[in-house]
Amino acid sequence: MQNWHKSDKPLVSICCTTYNHEAFIAKALDGFLMQETNFPFEILIRDDCSTDNTAQIIREYVKKYPHIIKPIYEAENQFSKGVKPMPVVFKKAMGKYLALCEGDDYWTDKTKLHKQINFLSNNPSFSMSSHSVRFEFDGIVEKRKQYADAPVINAGLSEILGKGLFIALNSIVFRREYFLDIPSWFYKLTSGHKALIYMLTGQGKNHHFMQEMGVKRRHPGGVTVRLKKVRGETYLSRNIYLLENLKSYFTHTQDVPINKKLKKLYFRQALQALRKLKIIDVFQSILHMLKCSVL
């Protein structure tokens, strides 16, 4: 805080959601608090009525850093009611930029925010920034190769869709102005992670730092692991639903890369229906695929 320019308003809002993360949340908060910046930031952390000691750990940190940490405690679990966790935090954010991290992940580089904000400040055509991460599986940290091709360091929606690039949620920093109006269909998605990246890179490029500046945890209680168990038809239908809605969201200015991706998904959907001898579904998927080819 000694290096912060005098300002009542934070430049960056660190948005963190947590639920039953008592074994992880302290490390996440430490990663936020160790950031060395010359601009003010706030930490918005939302506990979705945890049944363990997560909320108590947050309260202890709030006592030490009341001017930085701004907690949101839910009296009842909202996720079970279909309420998406991150948008609730976004609405309370004051920063021009939003930095994301869930309560079971953490940052490892004290200059992370400085690097990402510095880049976005000097490159107005970029809507977001990300970086490489290590993966921690049940306490064992492993390296995962990402962004091997140099051209995807600066990637727009076309590259993201075409190459299927992975961007860890806890690496994302983006301009808040690009995500002010959240469409109603967004709240019907099982996970908004992929949708957020698509919506941002459809408005500007993403700059990816090759440095590993965080750790993404994978554990049995994590949302990512639970969602990975949902495969097959459900996985395809979720992605098709997202992409079809994105065409309208971008007022059809991004139809070319979106339709290219949709054709592949509809083809896979047709093959799955064929294996199950659902002939009507096969023809419906083929018709959708042809429609994407014509448009």
Protein backbone atom coordinates (compact mmCIF):
# COMPACT_ATOMS: atom_id res chain seq x y z
CA MET A 1 0.00 0.00 0.00
CA GLN A 2 2.98 2.32 0.51
CA ASN A 3 3.56 2.32 -3.26
CA TRP A 4 -0.05 3.02 -4.20
CA HIS A 5 -0.95 6.29 -5.82
CA LYS A 6 -3.35 8.22 -3.66
CA SER A 7 -6.83 7.21 -4.76
CA ASP A 8 -10.07 6.26 -3.07
CA LYS A 9 -10.98 3.89 -5.88
CA PRO A 10 -9.12 0.64 -6.63
CA LEU A 11 -7.82 0.16 -10.15
CA VAL A 12 -8.18 -3.63 -9.88
CA SER A 13 -10.80 -5.78 -8.18
CA ILE A 14 -9.58 -9.27 -7.31
CA CYS A 15 -12.67 -11.47 -7.49
CA CYS A 16 -12.63 -14.69 -5.50
CA THR A 17 -15.41 -17.21 -4.88
CA THR A 18 -15.13 -19.93 -2.30
CA TYR A 19 -17.04 -22.84 -0.78
CA ASN A 20 -15.68 -25.36 1.73
CA HIS A 21 -12.09 -24.37 0.97
CA GLU A 22 -10.71 -24.25 4.52
CA ALA A 23 -7.65 -26.24 3.41
CA PHE A 24 -6.92 -23.83 0.57
CA ILE A 25 -8.32 -20.34 1.17
CA ALA A 26 -5.41 -18.96 3.24
CA LYS A 27 -2.96 -19.67 0.42
CA ALA A 28 -5.26 -17.95 -2.07
CA LEU A 29 -5.50 -14.85 0.12
CA ASP A 30 -1.74 -14.80 0.71
CA GLY A 31 -1.23 -14.86 -3.06
CA PHE A 32 -3.45 -11.77 -3.40
CA LEU A 33 -1.87 -9.89 -0.53
CA MET A 34 1.72 -10.44 -1.69
CA GLN A 35 1.10 -8.54 -4.94
CA GLU A 36 3.50 -5.61 -5.39
CA THR A 37 1.79 -2.82 -7.32
CA ASN A 38 1.90 0.95 -7.68
CA PHE A 39 -1.90 1.05 -7.96
CA PRO A 40 -4.60 0.27 -5.38
CA PHE A 41 -6.56 -2.97 -5.53
CA GLU A 42 -9.39 -4.53 -3.56
CA ILE A 43 -10.07 -8.17 -2.73
CA LEU A 44 -13.71 -9.21 -3.06
CA ILE A 45 -14.20 -12.67 -1.62
CA ARG A 46 -17.58 -14.39 -1.55
CA ASP A 47 -18.21 -17.38 0.69
CA ASP A 48 -21.27 -19.34 -0.43
CA CYS A 49 -22.32 -20.46 3.06
CA SER A 50 -19.51 -22.95 3.62
CA THR A 51 -20.13 -25.74 6.12
CA ASP A 52 -16.47 -25.85 7.23
CA ASN A 53 -14.18 -23.12 8.66
CA THR A 54 -13.71 -21.19 5.41
CA ALA A 55 -15.75 -18.17 6.57
CA GLN A 56 -13.90 -18.00 9.89
CA ILE A 57 -10.51 -17.97 8.12
CA ILE A 58 -11.74 -15.12 5.89
CA ARG A 59 -12.88 -13.16 8.96
CA GLU A 60 -9.40 -13.47 10.48
CA TYR A 61 -7.84 -12.00 7.33
CA VAL A 62 -10.43 -9.21 7.20
CA LYS A 63 -9.42 -8.14 10.72
CA LYS A 64 -5.81 -7.76 9.55
CA TYR A 65 -6.58 -6.10 6.20
CA PRO A 66 -9.97 -4.37 6.54
CA HIS A 67 -9.17 -1.72 3.92
CA ILE A 68 -8.33 -4.26 1.21
CA ILE A 69 -10.45 -7.37 1.81
CA LYS A 70 -14.19 -6.93 1.31
CA PRO A 71 -16.04 -10.14 2.18
CA ILE A 72 -19.46 -11.32 1.02
CA TYR A 73 -21.02 -13.93 3.29
CA GLU A 74 -24.08 -15.76 1.99
CA ALA A 75 -26.61 -16.84 4.64
CA GLU A 76 -27.79 -19.68 2.39
CA ASN A 77 -25.97 -21.59 -0.31
CA GLN A 78 -26.79 -19.84 -3.58
CA PHE A 79 -25.10 -22.23 -6.00
CA SER A 80 -27.65 -24.92 -5.12
CA LYS A 81 -30.34 -22.43 -6.19
CA GLY A 82 -28.74 -21.95 -9.59
CA VAL A 83 -26.97 -18.66 -8.77
CA LYS A 84 -23.62 -18.31 -10.56
CA PRO A 85 -20.89 -17.30 -8.07
CA MET A 86 -18.66 -14.90 -10.03
CA PRO A 87 -21.34 -12.51 -11.45
CA VAL A 88 -22.44 -11.74 -7.89
CA VAL A 89 -18.91 -10.56 -7.14
CA PHE A 90 -18.58 -8.67 -10.44
CA LYS A 91 -21.56 -6.46 -9.54
CA LYS A 92 -19.82 -5.25 -6.38
CA ALA A 93 -16.44 -4.62 -8.02
CA MET A 94 -15.18 -1.05 -8.24
CA GLY A 95 -12.05 -1.62 -10.31
CA LYS A 96 -11.49 -0.82 -13.96
CA TYR A 97 -9.93 -4.28 -14.28
CA LEU A 98 -11.07 -7.59 -12.77
CA ALA A 99 -8.66 -10.37 -11.76
CA LEU A 100 -10.12 -13.83 -11.12
CA CYS A 101 -9.20 -16.66 -8.78
CA GLU A 102 -11.31 -19.30 -7.07
CA GLY A 103 -10.70 -20.09 -3.43
CA ASP A 104 -8.93 -23.39 -4.04
CA ASP A 105 -6.37 -21.95 -6.50
CA TYR A 106 -3.54 -19.49 -5.83
CA TRP A 107 -1.00 -17.09 -7.35
CA THR A 108 2.75 -17.61 -7.06
CA ASP A 109 4.26 -14.47 -8.63
CA LYS A 110 4.19 -11.23 -6.64
CA THR A 111 4.45 -9.20 -9.87
CA LYS A 112 1.55 -10.95 -11.64
CA LEU A 113 -0.95 -8.09 -11.36
CA HIS A 114 1.67 -5.48 -12.19
CA LYS A 115 2.68 -7.29 -15.41
CA GLN A 116 -0.84 -7.91 -16.62
CA ILE A 117 -2.23 -4.47 -15.81
CA ASN A 118 0.83 -2.77 -17.28
CA PHE A 119 0.30 -4.64 -20.55
CA LEU A 120 -3.42 -3.92 -20.76
CA SER A 121 -2.89 -0.25 -19.89
CA ASN A 122 -0.45 0.12 -22.78
CA ASN A 123 -2.42 -1.99 -25.27
CA PRO A 124 -6.04 -0.78 -25.47
CA SER A 125 -6.96 -3.22 -28.27
CA PHE A 126 -6.54 -6.15 -25.87
CA SER A 127 -9.57 -7.09 -23.76
CA MET A 128 -7.83 -9.54 -21.41
CA SER A 129 -4.60 -11.13 -20.30
CA SER A 130 -3.68 -14.59 -19.02
CA HIS A 131 -0.60 -16.60 -18.07
CA SER A 132 0.65 -20.15 -17.75
CA VAL A 133 -0.04 -22.11 -14.57
CA ARG A 134 1.07 -25.30 -12.90
CA PHE A 135 -1.45 -27.95 -12.01
CA GLU A 136 -1.69 -29.45 -8.57
CA PHE A 137 -3.37 -32.85 -8.39
CA ASP A 138 -4.19 -33.83 -4.81
CA GLY A 139 -1.19 -31.94 -3.47
CA ILE A 140 1.30 -32.88 -6.22
CA VAL A 141 2.27 -29.99 -8.49
CA GLU A 142 2.82 -30.92 -12.13
CA LYS A 143 3.78 -28.85 -15.15
CA ARG A 144 1.41 -28.78 -18.11
CA LYS A 145 2.62 -27.60 -21.51
CA GLN A 146 0.57 -24.67 -22.76
CA TYR A 147 0.75 -22.20 -25.65
CA ALA A 148 3.51 -24.02 -27.51
CA ASP A 149 2.90 -22.00 -30.69
CA ALA A 150 4.13 -18.40 -30.63
CA PRO A 151 1.21 -16.96 -32.68
CA VAL A 152 -1.33 -17.81 -29.98
CA ILE A 153 0.39 -15.59 -27.41
CA ASN A 154 -1.84 -12.86 -28.82
CA ALA A 155 -5.10 -14.64 -29.61
CA GLY A 156 -8.55 -13.50 -30.63
CA LEU A 157 -11.77 -15.52 -30.72
CA SER A 158 -10.86 -17.19 -34.02
CA GLU A 159 -7.59 -18.58 -32.60
CA ILE A 160 -9.21 -19.55 -29.31
CA LEU A 161 -11.97 -21.52 -31.07
CA GLY A 162 -9.71 -22.97 -33.75
CA LYS A 163 -6.91 -24.22 -31.52
CA GLY A 164 -8.98 -25.00 -28.44
CA LEU A 165 -6.56 -23.08 -26.23
CA PHE A 166 -6.73 -23.59 -22.49
CA ILE A 167 -6.79 -20.49 -20.30
CA ALA A 168 -6.87 -21.06 -16.54
CA LEU A 169 -9.51 -19.04 -14.68
CA ASN A 170 -7.02 -17.95 -12.01
CA SER A 171 -4.80 -16.42 -14.70
CA ILE A 172 -7.44 -14.10 -16.18
CA VAL A 173 -7.35 -10.31 -15.85
CA PHE A 174 -9.77 -8.34 -18.04
CA ARG A 175 -11.29 -4.94 -18.68
CA ARG A 176 -14.51 -4.66 -16.69
CA GLU A 177 -16.17 -2.53 -19.40
CA TYR A 178 -16.30 -5.56 -21.71
CA PHE A 179 -18.45 -7.56 -19.33
CA LEU A 180 -20.90 -5.06 -17.88
CA ASP A 181 -24.07 -6.42 -19.49
CA ILE A 182 -24.38 -10.14 -18.83
CA PRO A 183 -26.99 -11.81 -21.10
CA SER A 184 -29.72 -13.96 -19.53
CA TRP A 185 -28.54 -17.12 -21.30
CA PHE A 186 -25.17 -16.85 -19.50
CA TYR A 187 -26.85 -17.80 -16.22
CA LYS A 188 -28.19 -21.03 -17.74
CA LEU A 189 -24.69 -22.34 -18.44
CA THR A 190 -23.27 -25.02 -16.15
CA SER A 191 -20.00 -23.10 -16.06
CA GLY A 192 -19.31 -19.56 -17.24
CA HIS A 193 -15.51 -19.94 -17.57
CA LYS A 194 -15.43 -20.75 -21.29
CA ALA A 195 -18.24 -18.29 -22.08
CA LEU A 196 -16.33 -15.45 -20.40
CA ILE A 197 -13.21 -16.12 -22.47
CA TYR A 198 -15.20 -16.29 -25.71
CA MET A 199 -17.14 -13.11 -24.89
CA LEU A 200 -13.95 -11.20 -24.08
CA THR A 201 -11.84 -12.41 -27.03
CA GLY A 202 -14.70 -11.60 -29.39
CA GLN A 203 -14.20 -7.95 -28.44
CA GLY A 204 -10.41 -7.81 -28.26
CA LYS A 205 -7.41 -10.11 -28.10
CA ASN A 206 -5.94 -11.99 -25.15
CA HIS A 207 -2.25 -11.59 -24.33
CA HIS A 208 -0.79 -14.68 -22.71
CA PHE A 209 2.33 -14.48 -20.54
CA MET A 210 4.43 -17.63 -20.83
CA GLN A 211 5.59 -17.32 -17.21
CA GLU A 212 3.91 -19.60 -14.69
CA MET A 213 2.39 -17.22 -12.18
CA GLY A 214 -0.18 -19.42 -10.45
CA VAL A 215 -1.31 -22.89 -9.52
CA LYS A 216 -4.58 -24.52 -10.56
CA ARG A 217 -5.65 -27.18 -8.09
CA ARG A 218 -7.54 -30.32 -9.06
CA HIS A 219 -9.16 -32.21 -6.21
CA PRO A 220 -12.30 -34.37 -5.72
CA GLY A 221 -14.34 -31.49 -4.28
CA GLY A 222 -13.45 -29.01 -7.02
CA VAL A 223 -16.01 -27.74 -9.53
CA THR A 224 -13.76 -28.57 -12.51
CA VAL A 225 -13.44 -32.21 -11.50
CA ARG A 226 -17.19 -32.54 -10.99
CA LEU A 227 -17.93 -30.99 -14.38
CA LYS A 228 -15.36 -33.23 -16.11
CA LYS A 229 -17.55 -36.20 -15.19
CA VAL A 230 -20.31 -34.82 -17.41
CA ARG A 231 -19.39 -36.04 -20.88
CA GLY A 232 -20.96 -37.13 -24.14
CA GLU A 233 -24.21 -35.59 -25.32
CA THR A 234 -24.45 -33.19 -22.38
CA TYR A 235 -20.98 -31.79 -23.06
CA LEU A 236 -21.75 -31.25 -26.74
CA SER A 237 -25.16 -29.73 -26.16
CA ARG A 238 -23.71 -27.27 -23.59
CA ASN A 239 -21.09 -26.04 -26.03
CA ILE A 240 -23.53 -25.84 -28.93
CA TYR A 241 -25.94 -23.83 -26.76
CA LEU A 242 -23.14 -21.43 -25.84
CA LEU A 243 -21.90 -20.90 -29.39
CA GLU A 244 -25.38 -20.44 -30.87
CA ASN A 245 -26.10 -17.73 -28.30
CA LEU A 246 -22.77 -16.06 -28.93
CA LYS A 247 -23.71 -15.40 -32.55
CA SER A 248 -26.52 -13.11 -31.42
CA TYR A 249 -24.41 -11.64 -28.62
CA PHE A 250 -21.85 -10.47 -31.21
CA THR A 251 -24.66 -9.36 -33.56
CA HIS A 252 -23.39 -11.95 -36.05
CA THR A 253 -20.02 -10.23 -36.55
CA GLN A 254 -18.22 -13.39 -35.35
CA ASP A 255 -20.32 -15.95 -37.24
CA VAL A 256 -17.44 -17.24 -39.42
CA PRO A 257 -15.20 -18.63 -36.61
CA ILE A 258 -18.22 -19.66 -34.52
CA ASN A 259 -19.88 -21.58 -37.37
CA LYS A 260 -16.58 -23.29 -38.16
CA LYS A 261 -16.48 -24.60 -34.60
CA LEU A 262 -20.19 -25.44 -34.58
CA LYS A 263 -19.87 -27.61 -37.69
CA LYS A 264 -17.40 -29.85 -35.86
CA LEU A 265 -19.65 -30.09 -32.81
CA TYR A 266 -22.77 -30.90 -34.84
CA PHE A 267 -20.80 -33.56 -36.72
CA ARG A 268 -19.75 -35.18 -33.44
CA GLN A 269 -23.33 -34.94 -32.24
CA ALA A 270 -24.55 -36.71 -35.41
CA LEU A 271 -22.02 -39.52 -34.90
CA GLN A 272 -23.15 -40.02 -31.30
CA ALA A 273 -26.80 -40.17 -32.37
CA LEU A 274 -25.90 -42.65 -35.13
CA ARG A 275 -24.20 -44.99 -32.66
CA LYS A 276 -27.40 -44.98 -30.60
CA LEU A 277 -29.53 -45.40 -33.75
CA LYS A 278 -31.36 -42.13 -33.12
CA ILE A 279 -31.96 -41.48 -36.80
CA ILE A 280 -34.10 -38.34 -36.35
CA ASP A 281 -31.40 -36.78 -34.18
CA VAL A 282 -28.79 -37.69 -36.82
CA PHE A 283 -30.69 -35.78 -39.51
CA GLN A 284 -31.30 -32.80 -37.21
CA SER A 285 -27.58 -32.52 -36.42
CA ILE A 286 -26.68 -32.79 -40.12
CA LEU A 287 -29.18 -30.05 -40.99
CA HIS A 288 -27.66 -27.77 -38.35
CA MET A 289 -24.19 -28.59 -39.71
CA LEU A 290 -25.27 -27.70 -43.26
CA LYS A 291 -26.82 -24.46 -42.04
CA CYS A 292 -23.49 -23.46 -40.50
CA SER A 293 -21.80 -24.16 -43.84
CA VAL A 294 -24.22 -21.97 -45.78
CA LEU A 295 -24.18 -18.95 -43.43
